[in-house]
């Protein structure tokens, strides 16, 4: 019985030391190459006990990724639209200038 308790304490200390070391390594790693998966979560150590928390975290991560994707698409569309407007304005102004002068270059 005592050996079983000692093993449980050692197991908890091992999980704790692993969690501390991965979080410290995360903070000292290059922000561009950080991987959130390298940080030990409680459901990684005890998957049966924290299943609901893991599902919530996975849903939150998926929502966050979707928002990042949407923002990226919005930025792309904005850049594309502004470039299209610039091209349209440049070609439109030359056509209106030629019409004002009596020569239509669009035909």
C-alpha atoms as a PDB file:
ATOM      1  CA  UNK A   1       0.000   0.000   0.000  1.00  0.00           C
ATOM      2  CA  UNK A   2       2.794   2.414   0.880  1.00  0.00           C
ATOM      3  CA  UNK A   3       4.578   1.667  -2.394  1.00  0.00           C
ATOM      4  CA  UNK A   4       1.390   2.469  -4.315  1.00  0.00           C
ATOM      5  CA  UNK A   5       1.101   5.855  -2.562  1.00  0.00           C
ATOM      6  CA  UNK A   6       4.742   6.624  -3.290  1.00  0.00           C
ATOM      7  CA  UNK A   7       4.234   5.791  -6.953  1.00  0.00           C
ATOM      8  CA  UNK A   8       1.204   8.102  -7.076  1.00  0.00           C
ATOM      9  CA  UNK A   9       3.216  10.952  -5.512  1.00  0.00           C
ATOM     10  CA  UNK A  10       6.092  10.358  -7.921  1.00  0.00           C
ATOM     11  CA  UNK A  11       3.672  10.301 -10.823  1.00  0.00           C
ATOM     12  CA  UNK A  12       2.164  13.650  -9.782  1.00  0.00           C
ATOM     13  CA  UNK A  13       5.599  15.191  -9.296  1.00  0.00           C
ATOM     14  CA  UNK A  14       6.685  13.924 -12.705  1.00  0.00           C
ATOM     15  CA  UNK A  15       3.628  15.439 -14.384  1.00  0.00           C
ATOM     16  CA  UNK A  16       4.205  18.697 -12.509  1.00  0.00           C
ATOM     17  CA  UNK A  17       7.866  18.886 -13.508  1.00  0.00           C
ATOM     18  CA  UNK A  18       6.971  18.124 -17.123  1.00  0.00           C
ATOM     19  CA  UNK A  19       4.323  20.850 -17.130  1.00  0.00           C
ATOM     20  CA  UNK A  20       6.741  23.385 -15.666  1.00  0.00           C
ATOM     21  CA  UNK A  21       9.546  22.551 -18.071  1.00  0.00           C
ATOM     22  CA  UNK A  22       7.337  22.718 -21.176  1.00  0.00           C
ATOM     23  CA  UNK A  23       5.856  26.069 -20.134  1.00  0.00           C
ATOM     24  CA  UNK A  24       9.295  27.525 -19.441  1.00  0.00           C
ATOM     25  CA  UNK A  25      10.549  26.231 -22.794  1.00  0.00           C
ATOM     26  CA  UNK A  26       7.489  27.753 -24.475  1.00  0.00           C
ATOM     27  CA  UNK A  27       8.183  31.213 -23.080  1.00  0.00           C
ATOM     28  CA  UNK A  28      11.861  31.095 -24.053  1.00  0.00           C
ATOM     29  CA  UNK A  29      11.181  29.815 -27.569  1.00  0.00           C
ATOM     30  CA  UNK A  30      11.042  32.078 -30.599  1.00  0.00           C
ATOM     31  CA  UNK A  31       7.521  33.599 -30.856  1.00  0.00           C
ATOM     32  CA  UNK A  32       7.443  32.867 -34.599  1.00  0.00           C
ATOM     33  CA  UNK A  33       8.005  29.152 -34.072  1.00  0.00           C
ATOM     34  CA  UNK A  34       6.068  28.617 -30.845  1.00  0.00           C
ATOM     35  CA  UNK A  35       3.802  25.630 -30.841  1.00  0.00           C
ATOM     36  CA  UNK A  36       0.953  25.682 -28.340  1.00  0.00           C
ATOM     37  CA  UNK A  37       0.887  21.889 -28.465  1.00  0.00           C
ATOM     38  CA  UNK A  38       4.245  21.738 -26.718  1.00  0.00           C
ATOM     39  CA  UNK A  39       2.655  22.972 -23.478  1.00  0.00           C
ATOM     40  CA  UNK A  40       1.343  20.106 -21.376  1.00  0.00           C
ATOM     41  CA  UNK A  41      -2.311  20.521 -20.514  1.00  0.00           C
ATOM     42  CA  UNK A  42      -4.074  18.802 -17.646  1.00  0.00           C
ATOM     43  CA  UNK A  43      -6.086  16.618 -20.024  1.00  0.00           C
ATOM     44  CA  UNK A  44      -2.849  15.398 -21.585  1.00  0.00           C
ATOM     45  CA  UNK A  45      -1.811  13.966 -18.240  1.00  0.00           C
ATOM     46  CA  UNK A  46      -5.281  12.873 -17.109  1.00  0.00           C
ATOM     47  CA  UNK A  47      -7.463  12.450 -20.207  1.00  0.00           C
ATOM     48  CA  UNK A  48     -10.315  10.715 -18.418  1.00  0.00           C
ATOM     49  CA  UNK A  49     -10.753  13.379 -15.769  1.00  0.00           C
ATOM     50  CA  UNK A  50     -10.707  16.458 -17.967  1.00  0.00           C
ATOM     51  CA  UNK A  51     -12.545  15.354 -21.091  1.00  0.00           C
ATOM     52  CA  UNK A  52     -15.125  18.175 -20.935  1.00  0.00           C
ATOM     53  CA  UNK A  53     -12.411  20.818 -20.484  1.00  0.00           C
ATOM     54  CA  UNK A  54     -10.474  19.412 -23.426  1.00  0.00           C
ATOM     55  CA  UNK A  55     -13.559  19.560 -25.638  1.00  0.00           C
ATOM     56  CA  UNK A  56     -14.191  23.182 -24.612  1.00  0.00           C
ATOM     57  CA  UNK A  57     -10.576  24.105 -25.325  1.00  0.00           C
ATOM     58  CA  UNK A  58     -10.713  22.375 -28.715  1.00  0.00           C
ATOM     59  CA  UNK A  59     -13.907  24.235 -29.627  1.00  0.00           C
ATOM     60  CA  UNK A  60     -12.400  27.557 -28.526  1.00  0.00           C
ATOM     61  CA  UNK A  61      -9.267  26.859 -30.576  1.00  0.00           C
ATOM     62  CA  UNK A  62     -11.366  25.991 -33.629  1.00  0.00           C
ATOM     63  CA  UNK A  63     -13.422  29.189 -33.208  1.00  0.00           C
ATOM     64  CA  UNK A  64     -10.231  31.226 -32.902  1.00  0.00           C
ATOM     65  CA  UNK A  65      -8.776  29.642 -36.046  1.00  0.00           C
ATOM     66  CA  UNK A  66     -11.999  30.370 -37.925  1.00  0.00           C
ATOM     67  CA  UNK A  67     -11.908  34.025 -36.839  1.00  0.00           C
ATOM     68  CA  UNK A  68      -8.262  34.323 -37.931  1.00  0.00           C
ATOM     69  CA  UNK A  69      -9.174  32.800 -41.288  1.00  0.00           C
ATOM     70  CA  UNK A  70     -12.142  35.168 -41.709  1.00  0.00           C
ATOM     71  CA  UNK A  71      -9.991  38.189 -40.844  1.00  0.00           C
ATOM     72  CA  UNK A  72      -7.372  37.066 -43.336  1.00  0.00           C
ATOM     73  CA  UNK A  73      -9.993  36.737 -46.057  1.00  0.00           C
ATOM     74  CA  UNK A  74     -11.411  40.175 -45.199  1.00  0.00           C
ATOM     75  CA  UNK A  75      -7.961  41.725 -45.439  1.00  0.00           C
ATOM     76  CA  UNK A  76      -7.333  39.992 -48.751  1.00  0.00           C
ATOM     77  CA  UNK A  77     -10.694  41.166 -50.124  1.00  0.00           C
ATOM     78  CA  UNK A  78     -10.011  44.699 -48.952  1.00  0.00           C
ATOM     79  CA  UNK A  79      -6.587  44.761 -50.637  1.00  0.00           C
ATOM     80  CA  UNK A  80      -8.040  43.227 -53.784  1.00  0.00           C
ATOM     81  CA  UNK A  81     -10.940  45.697 -53.889  1.00  0.00           C
ATOM     82  CA  UNK A  82      -8.710  48.707 -53.284  1.00  0.00           C
ATOM     83  CA  UNK A  83      -6.354  47.567 -56.050  1.00  0.00           C
ATOM     84  CA  UNK A  84      -9.324  47.046 -58.362  1.00  0.00           C
ATOM     85  CA  UNK A  85     -10.676  50.519 -57.516  1.00  0.00           C
ATOM     86  CA  UNK A  86      -7.258  52.058 -58.209  1.00  0.00           C
ATOM     87  CA  UNK A  87      -7.057  50.316 -61.588  1.00  0.00           C
ATOM     88  CA  UNK A  88     -10.625  51.321 -62.336  1.00  0.00           C
ATOM     89  CA  UNK A  89      -9.996  54.951 -61.383  1.00  0.00           C
ATOM     90  CA  UNK A  90      -6.828  55.158 -63.468  1.00  0.00           C
ATOM     91  CA  UNK A  91      -8.464  53.745 -66.584  1.00  0.00           C
ATOM     92  CA  UNK A  92     -11.700  55.640 -65.920  1.00  0.00           C
ATOM     93  CA  UNK A  93      -9.985  59.003 -65.604  1.00  0.00           C
ATOM     94  CA  UNK A  94      -8.168  58.612 -68.929  1.00  0.00           C
ATOM     95  CA  UNK A  95     -11.426  57.755 -70.662  1.00  0.00           C
ATOM     96  CA  UNK A  96     -13.281  60.746 -69.208  1.00  0.00           C
ATOM     97  CA  UNK A  97     -10.383  63.058 -70.095  1.00  0.00           C
ATOM     98  CA  UNK A  98     -10.472  61.913 -73.702  1.00  0.00           C
ATOM     99  CA  UNK A  99     -14.252  62.290 -73.888  1.00  0.00           C
ATOM    100  CA  UNK A 100     -13.988  65.827 -72.517  1.00  0.00           C
ATOM    101  CA  UNK A 101     -11.468  66.656 -75.226  1.00  0.00           C
ATOM    102  CA  UNK A 102     -13.756  65.283 -77.886  1.00  0.00           C
ATOM    103  CA  UNK A 103     -11.822  62.121 -78.635  1.00  0.00           C
ATOM    104  CA  UNK A 104     -13.095  58.780 -77.377  1.00  0.00           C
ATOM    105  CA  UNK A 105     -10.328  56.195 -77.061  1.00  0.00           C
ATOM    106  CA  UNK A 106     -12.592  53.447 -75.766  1.00  0.00           C
ATOM    107  CA  UNK A 107     -13.984  52.599 -79.212  1.00  0.00           C
END
